[in-house]
Protein backbone atom coordinates (compact mmCIF):
# COMPACT_ATOMS: atom_id res chain seq x y z
CA UNK A 1 0.14 -0.08 -0.13
CA UNK A 2 2.73 2.29 0.61
CA UNK A 3 4.84 1.76 -2.48
CA UNK A 4 1.15 1.85 -4.18
CA UNK A 5 0.71 5.46 -2.47
CA UNK A 6 4.23 6.91 -3.46
CA UNK A 7 3.45 5.78 -7.22
CA UNK A 8 0.52 7.51 -7.46
CA UNK A 9 2.49 10.74 -5.38
CA UNK A 10 5.11 10.25 -8.35
CA UNK A 11 2.69 10.72 -10.82
CA UNK A 12 0.76 13.79 -9.28
CA UNK A 13 4.17 14.88 -9.25
CA UNK A 14 4.95 14.36 -12.67
CA UNK A 15 1.62 15.78 -14.20
CA UNK A 16 2.39 18.63 -12.49
CA UNK A 17 5.98 19.49 -13.38
CA UNK A 18 5.85 22.08 -16.44
CA UNK A 19 6.55 20.62 -19.95
CA UNK A 20 8.19 21.60 -22.72
CA UNK A 21 6.85 23.59 -25.00
CA UNK A 22 6.75 23.51 -29.35
CA UNK A 23 8.06 26.53 -30.63
CA UNK A 24 9.19 27.73 -34.22
CA UNK A 25 12.35 29.14 -34.15
CA UNK A 26 14.82 31.04 -36.32
CA UNK A 27 18.62 31.88 -37.17
CA UNK A 28 19.60 35.66 -36.68
CA UNK A 29 21.26 36.53 -40.18
CA UNK A 30 22.73 39.04 -42.05
CA UNK A 31 21.36 39.81 -45.52
CA UNK A 32 19.71 42.88 -47.78
CA UNK A 33 17.35 45.46 -46.24
CA UNK A 34 15.00 47.50 -48.11
CA UNK A 35 12.44 50.20 -46.59
CA UNK A 36 10.15 51.58 -49.02
CA UNK A 37 7.03 53.57 -48.76
CA UNK A 38 4.14 51.68 -50.34
CA UNK A 39 1.14 53.13 -51.94
CA UNK A 40 -1.13 53.52 -54.99
CA UNK A 41 -0.28 55.07 -57.78
CA UNK A 42 -1.82 56.10 -61.75
CA UNK A 43 0.16 56.70 -64.64
CA UNK A 44 -0.69 59.93 -66.73
CA UNK A 45 0.18 61.28 -70.04
CA UNK A 46 3.11 64.18 -69.30
CA UNK A 47 1.92 66.33 -72.29
CA UNK A 48 -1.42 66.69 -73.13
CA UNK A 49 -3.39 68.84 -75.86
CA UNK A 50 -6.78 70.48 -75.41
CA UNK A 51 -7.62 71.64 -79.05
CA UNK A 52 -9.86 74.50 -78.75
CA UNK A 53 -11.98 76.24 -81.43
CA UNK A 54 -10.14 79.29 -82.61
CA UNK A 55 -13.31 81.30 -83.61
CA UNK A 56 -17.11 81.21 -83.90
CA UNK A 57 -18.46 79.14 -86.06
CA UNK A 58 -20.43 75.52 -87.12
CA UNK A 59 -18.43 72.93 -85.78
CA UNK A 60 -18.76 69.98 -88.26
CA UNK A 61 -19.29 66.56 -86.65
CA UNK A 62 -15.83 64.94 -85.89
CA UNK A 63 -14.77 61.72 -87.73
CA UNK A 64 -12.19 60.77 -84.97
CA UNK A 65 -12.55 58.06 -82.61
CA UNK A 66 -10.96 57.62 -79.36
CA UNK A 67 -7.74 56.18 -79.76
CA UNK A 68 -7.12 57.17 -83.53
CA UNK A 69 -3.62 58.13 -84.63
CA UNK A 70 -2.69 61.72 -85.61
CA UNK A 71 0.13 63.05 -87.21
CA UNK A 72 1.28 67.01 -86.04
CA UNK A 73 0.09 69.03 -88.85
CA UNK A 74 -1.68 66.46 -91.44
CA UNK A 75 -4.60 64.85 -89.80
CA UNK A 76 -7.17 67.12 -90.10
CA UNK A 77 -8.77 66.99 -86.74
CA UNK A 78 -11.87 69.42 -86.85
CA UNK A 79 -13.67 71.49 -89.32
CA UNK A 80 -15.98 74.73 -88.90
CA UNK A 81 -17.69 76.15 -91.03
CA UNK A 82 -18.35 80.45 -90.85
CA UNK A 83 -21.47 81.39 -89.42
CA UNK A 84 -22.72 84.73 -90.64
CA UNK A 85 -22.53 87.62 -90.40
CA UNK A 86 -20.44 86.25 -87.04
CA UNK A 87 -17.23 85.65 -88.87
CA UNK A 88 -17.19 89.47 -90.44
CA UNK A 89 -18.23 91.24 -87.67
CA UNK A 90 -15.38 93.80 -86.54
CA UNK A 91 -16.23 92.87 -82.74
CA UNK A 92 -15.17 89.39 -83.62
CA UNK A 93 -11.99 90.74 -86.12
CA UNK A 94 -11.12 93.04 -82.74
CA UNK A 95 -10.79 90.26 -80.45
CA UNK A 96 -9.37 87.42 -83.17
CA UNK A 97 -6.63 90.35 -83.58
CA UNK A 98 -6.03 90.61 -79.52
CA UNK A 99 -5.90 86.96 -79.04
CA UNK A 100 -3.17 87.04 -82.08
CA UNK A 101 -1.35 89.43 -80.00
CA UNK A 102 -1.49 87.27 -76.83
CA UNK A 103 -0.12 84.30 -78.58
CA UNK A 104 2.63 86.23 -80.13
CA UNK A 105 2.90 86.92 -75.92
CA UNK A 106 2.98 83.36 -75.33
CA UNK A 107 5.38 82.30 -78.02
CA UNK A 108 7.87 85.07 -77.13
CA UNK A 109 7.88 83.65 -73.49
CA UNK A 110 7.89 80.33 -74.40
CA UNK A 111 10.97 81.20 -76.47
CA UNK A 112 12.85 82.59 -73.23
CA UNK A 113 11.67 79.43 -71.11
CA UNK A 114 13.29 77.03 -74.01
CA UNK A 115 16.44 79.00 -73.55
CA UNK A 116 16.95 79.12 -69.81
CA UNK A 117 15.83 75.40 -70.12
CA UNK A 118 18.54 74.63 -72.59
CA UNK A 119 20.86 76.97 -70.81
CA UNK A 120 20.01 74.71 -67.55
CA UNK A 121 20.40 71.28 -69.65
CA UNK A 122 24.01 72.25 -70.79
CA UNK A 123 25.08 73.52 -67.52
CA UNK A 124 24.16 70.12 -65.88
CA UNK A 125 26.09 68.35 -68.75
CA UNK A 126 29.16 69.78 -68.07
CA UNK A 127 29.00 69.38 -64.32
CA UNK A 128 28.33 66.10 -64.86
CA UNK A 129 31.04 65.52 -67.27
CA UNK A 130 33.41 67.01 -64.84
CA UNK A 131 31.89 64.94 -61.90
CA UNK A 132 32.97 61.65 -64.08
CA UNK A 133 36.08 62.84 -64.73
CA UNK A 134 36.33 63.48 -60.88
CA UNK A 135 35.14 60.21 -60.46
CA UNK A 136 37.46 58.31 -62.39
CA UNK A 137 40.34 59.53 -60.84
CA UNK A 138 38.41 59.05 -57.17
CA UNK A 139 38.08 62.74 -56.37
CA UNK A 140 34.39 62.64 -56.23
CA UNK A 141 31.81 60.29 -54.61
CA UNK A 142 29.17 58.32 -55.61
CA UNK A 143 26.54 60.85 -54.32
CA UNK A 144 27.68 63.65 -55.91
CA UNK A 145 27.72 61.53 -59.39
CA UNK A 146 24.80 60.55 -58.91
CA UNK A 147 23.04 63.87 -57.89
CA UNK A 148 24.47 65.19 -60.60
CA UNK A 149 23.37 62.46 -63.04
CA UNK A 150 20.06 63.29 -61.54
CA UNK A 151 20.67 67.11 -61.71
CA UNK A 152 21.03 66.21 -65.69
CA UNK A 153 18.03 63.84 -65.66
CA UNK A 154 15.82 66.64 -64.57
CA UNK A 155 17.06 69.34 -66.66
CA UNK A 156 16.67 67.42 -69.73
CA UNK A 157 13.14 66.84 -69.29
CA UNK A 158 12.55 70.59 -68.06
CA UNK A 159 13.61 71.49 -71.54
CA UNK A 160 11.76 68.49 -73.15
CA UNK A 161 9.02 70.35 -72.06
CA UNK A 162 10.09 73.61 -72.96
CA UNK A 163 10.47 72.61 -76.70
CA UNK A 164 6.78 70.92 -76.39
CA UNK A 165 5.31 74.14 -75.15
CA UNK A 166 7.56 76.17 -77.60
CA UNK A 167 5.85 73.83 -80.24
CA UNK A 168 2.23 74.20 -79.20
CA UNK A 169 2.75 78.28 -78.43
CA UNK A 170 3.78 78.25 -82.00
CA UNK A 171 0.80 76.39 -82.84
CA UNK A 172 -1.46 78.30 -81.01
CA UNK A 173 -0.49 81.73 -83.11
CA UNK A 174 -0.67 80.14 -86.15
CA UNK A 175 -4.42 79.44 -85.33
CA UNK A 176 -4.96 82.47 -84.34
CA UNK A 177 -3.56 84.54 -87.23
CA UNK A 178 -5.28 82.15 -89.68
CA UNK A 179 -9.04 82.67 -87.51
CA UNK A 180 -7.86 86.76 -88.05
CA UNK A 181 -7.52 85.88 -92.11
CA UNK A 182 -11.28 84.17 -91.94
CA UNK A 183 -12.93 87.08 -89.93
CA UNK A 184 -10.89 89.44 -92.88
CA UNK A 185 -12.83 87.72 -95.26
CA UNK A 186 -11.51 86.04 -98.87
CA UNK A 187 -12.61 87.94 -101.63
CA UNK A 188 -12.35 85.69 -104.24
CA UNK A 189 -13.81 82.76 -102.10
CA UNK A 190 -10.96 80.35 -101.99
CA UNK A 191 -8.49 78.90 -99.55
CA UNK A 192 -5.47 76.58 -99.55
CA UNK A 193 -6.43 73.55 -97.64
CA UNK A 194 -2.75 72.42 -97.58
CA UNK A 195 -1.87 73.93 -94.37
CA UNK A 196 -3.59 72.94 -90.91
CA UNK A 197 -4.16 76.74 -90.33
CA UNK A 198 -6.25 77.63 -93.34
CA UNK A 199 -9.74 77.23 -94.77
CA UNK A 200 -10.68 75.31 -97.65
CA UNK A 201 -12.25 76.01 -101.01
CA UNK A 202 -15.75 75.32 -99.35
CA UNK A 203 -15.49 77.87 -96.65
CA UNK A 204 -14.66 75.88 -93.95
CA UNK A 205 -12.09 76.23 -91.76
CA UNK A 206 -9.56 73.27 -90.81
CA UNK A 207 -8.26 72.44 -87.61
CA UNK A 208 -5.00 69.86 -87.78
CA UNK A 209 -3.28 68.25 -84.82
CA UNK A 210 -0.72 70.47 -83.27
CA UNK A 211 1.10 67.27 -82.15
CA UNK A 212 1.46 63.33 -83.03
CA UNK A 213 0.06 60.61 -80.79
CA UNK A 214 -3.41 59.77 -80.24
CA UNK A 215 -7.25 60.87 -79.79
CA UNK A 216 -7.63 60.78 -75.59
CA UNK A 217 -10.98 62.21 -75.25
CA UNK A 218 -13.30 63.81 -77.30
CA UNK A 219 -15.20 66.79 -75.76
CA UNK A 220 -17.10 67.56 -78.96
CA UNK A 221 -18.29 65.09 -81.27
CA UNK A 222 -21.35 65.75 -83.25
CA UNK A 223 -22.04 69.04 -85.34
CA UNK A 224 -22.98 72.25 -82.81
CA UNK A 225 -22.22 75.62 -83.02
CA UNK A 226 -18.96 76.57 -80.96
CA UNK A 227 -17.50 79.72 -79.99
CA UNK A 228 -13.70 80.76 -79.37
CA UNK A 229 -12.34 78.88 -76.62
CA UNK A 230 -14.81 75.65 -76.76
CA UNK A 231 -12.90 72.10 -75.83
CA UNK A 232 -13.15 69.87 -78.79
CA UNK A 233 -10.49 67.18 -77.82
CA UNK A 234 -7.99 65.79 -75.98
CA UNK A 235 -4.49 64.89 -77.87
CA UNK A 236 -1.48 63.16 -76.27
CA UNK A 237 1.06 60.56 -76.79
CA UNK A 238 0.18 56.99 -74.74
CA UNK A 239 3.92 55.99 -74.76
CA UNK A 240 4.59 59.20 -72.85
CA UNK A 241 4.19 58.34 -69.69
CA UNK A 242 4.82 59.51 -65.78
CA UNK A 243 3.09 57.79 -62.21
CA UNK A 244 1.67 60.00 -60.06
CA UNK A 245 1.79 58.47 -56.62
CA UNK A 246 -0.50 60.13 -53.39
CA UNK A 247 1.78 58.84 -50.07
CA UNK A 248 1.36 60.53 -46.82
CA UNK A 249 2.99 63.89 -46.15
CA UNK A 250 5.18 62.51 -43.30
CA UNK A 251 6.35 59.38 -46.18
CA UNK A 252 6.80 62.10 -48.56
CA UNK A 253 9.54 64.35 -46.37
CA UNK A 254 11.74 60.47 -46.41
CA UNK A 255 11.46 60.76 -50.36
CA UNK A 256 13.73 62.32 -52.55
CA UNK A 257 14.15 62.92 -56.28
CA UNK A 258 16.48 60.67 -57.73
CA UNK A 259 15.16 57.61 -54.82
CA UNK A 260 14.20 53.79 -57.04
CA UNK A 261 10.81 52.93 -57.09
CA UNK A 262 9.26 49.11 -58.50
CA UNK A 263 5.66 49.16 -59.99
CA UNK A 264 3.71 46.09 -59.79
CA UNK A 265 0.07 44.88 -60.40
CA UNK A 266 -0.38 47.17 -63.36
CA UNK A 267 -0.79 44.34 -65.41
CA UNK A 268 2.52 42.45 -66.44
CA UNK A 269 4.26 39.71 -65.93
CA UNK A 270 7.36 41.80 -64.18
CA UNK A 271 7.91 44.90 -61.98
CA UNK A 272 8.32 48.13 -63.86
CA UNK A 273 10.76 50.26 -62.53
CA UNK A 274 10.78 53.63 -62.27
CA UNK A 275 12.74 56.97 -60.74
CA UNK A 276 11.42 60.16 -58.13
CA UNK A 277 11.59 63.21 -60.32
CA UNK A 278 9.53 65.39 -58.24
CA UNK A 279 8.09 65.91 -54.78
CA UNK A 280 5.32 68.47 -55.02
CA UNK A 281 5.99 71.39 -52.54
CA UNK A 282 1.84 71.35 -51.64
CA UNK A 283 0.08 68.81 -50.11
CA UNK A 284 -4.32 68.14 -50.44
CA UNK A 285 -6.45 66.65 -48.03
CA UNK A 286 -7.86 63.83 -48.51
CA UNK A 287 -10.37 61.44 -46.93
CA UNK A 288 -9.00 57.71 -46.33
CA UNK A 289 -11.68 54.59 -46.63
CA UNK A 290 -11.89 54.87 -42.82
CA UNK A 291 -13.10 58.24 -43.09
CA UNK A 292 -10.33 59.66 -41.68
CA UNK A 293 -8.56 63.33 -42.79
CA UNK A 294 -5.13 62.72 -44.18
CA UNK A 295 -2.58 64.47 -45.72
CA UNK A 296 -0.67 63.88 -48.54
CA UNK A 297 1.48 64.69 -51.31
CA UNK A 298 1.70 64.06 -54.83
CA UNK A 299 5.35 62.10 -55.87
CA UNK A 300 5.82 62.10 -59.58
CA UNK A 301 7.40 59.06 -61.03
CA UNK A 302 9.50 58.71 -64.20
CA UNK A 303 9.53 55.36 -65.82
CA UNK A 304 11.95 53.44 -66.60
CA UNK A 305 11.81 50.64 -68.69
CA UNK A 306 11.18 51.36 -72.36
CA UNK A 307 7.84 51.80 -74.11
CA UNK A 308 8.16 48.47 -76.09
CA UNK A 309 8.43 46.72 -72.64
CA UNK A 310 5.10 48.32 -71.72
CA UNK A 311 2.75 49.09 -74.98
CA UNK A 312 -0.63 47.62 -72.75
CA UNK A 313 0.09 50.64 -70.10
CA UNK A 314 -2.30 53.54 -71.00
CA UNK A 315 -3.21 57.03 -69.87
CA UNK A 316 -4.83 56.58 -65.97
CA UNK A 317 -4.17 53.00 -65.34
CA UNK A 318 -3.52 51.85 -61.78
CA UNK A 319 -0.01 50.51 -60.43
CA UNK A 320 1.16 49.93 -56.84
CA UNK A 321 4.43 51.46 -55.89
CA UNK A 322 6.87 50.54 -53.64
CA UNK A 323 9.65 53.85 -53.71
CA UNK A 324 12.56 52.80 -51.90
CA UNK A 325 13.38 55.66 -48.80
CA UNK A 326 16.53 53.10 -47.00
CA UNK A 327 18.45 50.12 -48.67
CA UNK A 328 21.81 48.32 -47.67
CA UNK A 329 23.31 45.31 -48.46
CA UNK A 330 24.09 43.88 -45.66
CA UNK A 331 22.27 44.43 -41.83
CA UNK A 332 22.14 42.06 -38.86
CA UNK A 333 18.04 41.23 -39.07
CA UNK A 334 15.08 39.55 -37.61
CA UNK A 335 11.61 38.72 -38.48
CA UNK A 336 8.94 40.92 -37.04
CA UNK A 337 7.04 37.75 -36.69
CA UNK A 338 9.51 37.11 -33.22
CA UNK A 339 9.51 40.86 -32.25
CA UNK A 340 7.18 41.47 -28.99
CA UNK A 341 6.66 44.85 -26.98
CA UNK A 342 8.04 44.75 -23.09
CA UNK A 343 7.98 46.93 -20.56
CA UNK A 344 8.20 49.59 -23.01
CA UNK A 345 11.01 48.10 -25.09
CA UNK A 346 11.60 45.94 -28.05
CA UNK A 347 12.59 41.75 -27.44
CA UNK A 348 12.87 38.77 -28.38
CA UNK A 349 12.81 35.22 -26.64
CA UNK A 350 16.31 33.95 -27.49
CA UNK A 351 17.13 29.87 -27.36
CA UNK A 352 19.97 29.22 -24.64
CA UNK A 353 20.55 25.43 -23.67
CA UNK A 354 16.88 24.67 -24.57
CA UNK A 355 14.95 27.75 -22.41
CA UNK A 356 13.66 30.49 -23.78
CA UNK A 357 15.44 33.72 -22.57
CA UNK A 358 13.75 36.95 -22.57
CA UNK A 359 16.01 39.21 -24.88
CA UNK A 360 15.99 43.06 -24.97
CA UNK A 361 17.02 44.44 -28.20
CA UNK A 362 17.56 47.62 -30.27
CA UNK A 363 16.00 48.04 -33.19
CA UNK A 364 17.15 50.30 -36.39
CA UNK A 365 15.40 50.25 -39.78
CA UNK A 366 11.99 48.26 -40.16
CA UNK A 367 10.15 47.56 -42.86
CA UNK A 368 6.78 45.47 -43.12
CA UNK A 369 8.30 41.88 -42.63
CA UNK A 370 11.88 42.87 -40.99
CA UNK A 371 13.76 45.02 -38.83
CA UNK A 372 17.38 45.86 -38.31
CA UNK A 373 19.22 44.33 -34.97
CA UNK A 374 21.37 47.61 -33.69
CA UNK A 375 21.99 45.89 -30.50
CA UNK A 376 21.08 42.42 -28.55
CA UNK A 377 21.73 39.66 -30.94
CA UNK A 378 24.11 38.08 -32.60
CA UNK A 379 24.35 36.78 -36.04
CA UNK A 380 23.28 32.74 -35.72
CA UNK A 381 21.48 32.97 -32.58
CA UNK A 382 18.21 31.52 -32.99
CA UNK A 383 14.93 32.88 -31.36
CA UNK A 384 11.35 32.04 -31.08
CA UNK A 385 9.26 32.97 -33.86
CA UNK A 386 5.61 33.63 -33.09
CA UNK A 387 5.60 33.21 -29.37
CA UNK A 388 2.48 32.24 -27.75
CA UNK A 389 1.40 33.28 -23.73
CA UNK A 390 2.47 29.80 -23.05
CA UNK A 391 6.12 30.60 -23.60
CA UNK A 392 7.75 33.09 -21.01
CA UNK A 393 11.47 33.48 -19.45
CA UNK A 394 13.11 30.55 -18.46
CA UNK A 395 10.34 28.02 -20.08
CA UNK A 396 12.11 25.21 -21.72
CA UNK A 397 11.14 24.68 -25.59
CA UNK A 398 11.97 22.51 -28.35
CA UNK A 399 11.67 23.27 -31.86
CA UNK A 400 8.57 21.53 -33.82
């Protein structure tokens, strides 16, 4: 009986002894770590042109459809017939003369901006060549070279935009001069249809495409009476795209021009590469899906991939952007699944002699999956993943 009693007591004691807890373990290792700002974005055509009616008249039905290709100076996009006596009215003629003068002023202004952009691009190009020579002699840092390359790229884009604006201003002045000729009338009743800025023999005023591209949107399609400034259609080049990403203002201050970005969920198999060109200096208020007011800022990205690699991507398409704000090729890192807060500090359970030991740590940079270890752990340490409430300091554990 004494033996039986001791056996029962022994089994009770054994049953009350703490059992090892099965856990998942991971090893602290070194590797690359990248911190990104992840937001949705949309594509847009860099340069869009709105074709407007230069004078009053009867707009004939537009035969183009959205997506049709147009060639600068060749494709007729709209025809306007005169409505007597509006085209011969002195008041309309005076207004046409004023619009011609305004168009001439815009052309002069665009020429000045083009010269300024050309000078800035030439200076950036010379600075880039100088820094490259210094870099070859190890007299300049890689950061300085990256800055000069970014400045040259930015000034090149500015020159390209200024050149485009100058071409548009030149077309507008030709259009307004042609409209002035129409208000003055044509005694012989004949005209030349070889240029996009003149009337044809039927008294129609022909508007030709100012740029080469495609029809993006038709504002007026059916025949109607139009007045000067009435928008008829929007034209643009779908292959010349940029990406607009609105991010939180607190994230925007961490993004710098020249930062790399990956674009996925755009419909292709491989992510697209992009570069930050501009962080807009003014923010705006946006209501989130949860009804919270957020201050957001637009970040403009230039696509690095060739247009042939993204032919199906068009204007106002959705993408997911991952903008790199910090990146290192080799850091000591740990999975975020092992982290928890203990007495106001980040901590993990480190495996030591088959027991889980509470280990406070100091973190550096973090992304959604991993964190940089600044202090508290060493490479090769084994830590507990997804610690449950059964894992406490000093408890015996085993790997499942």
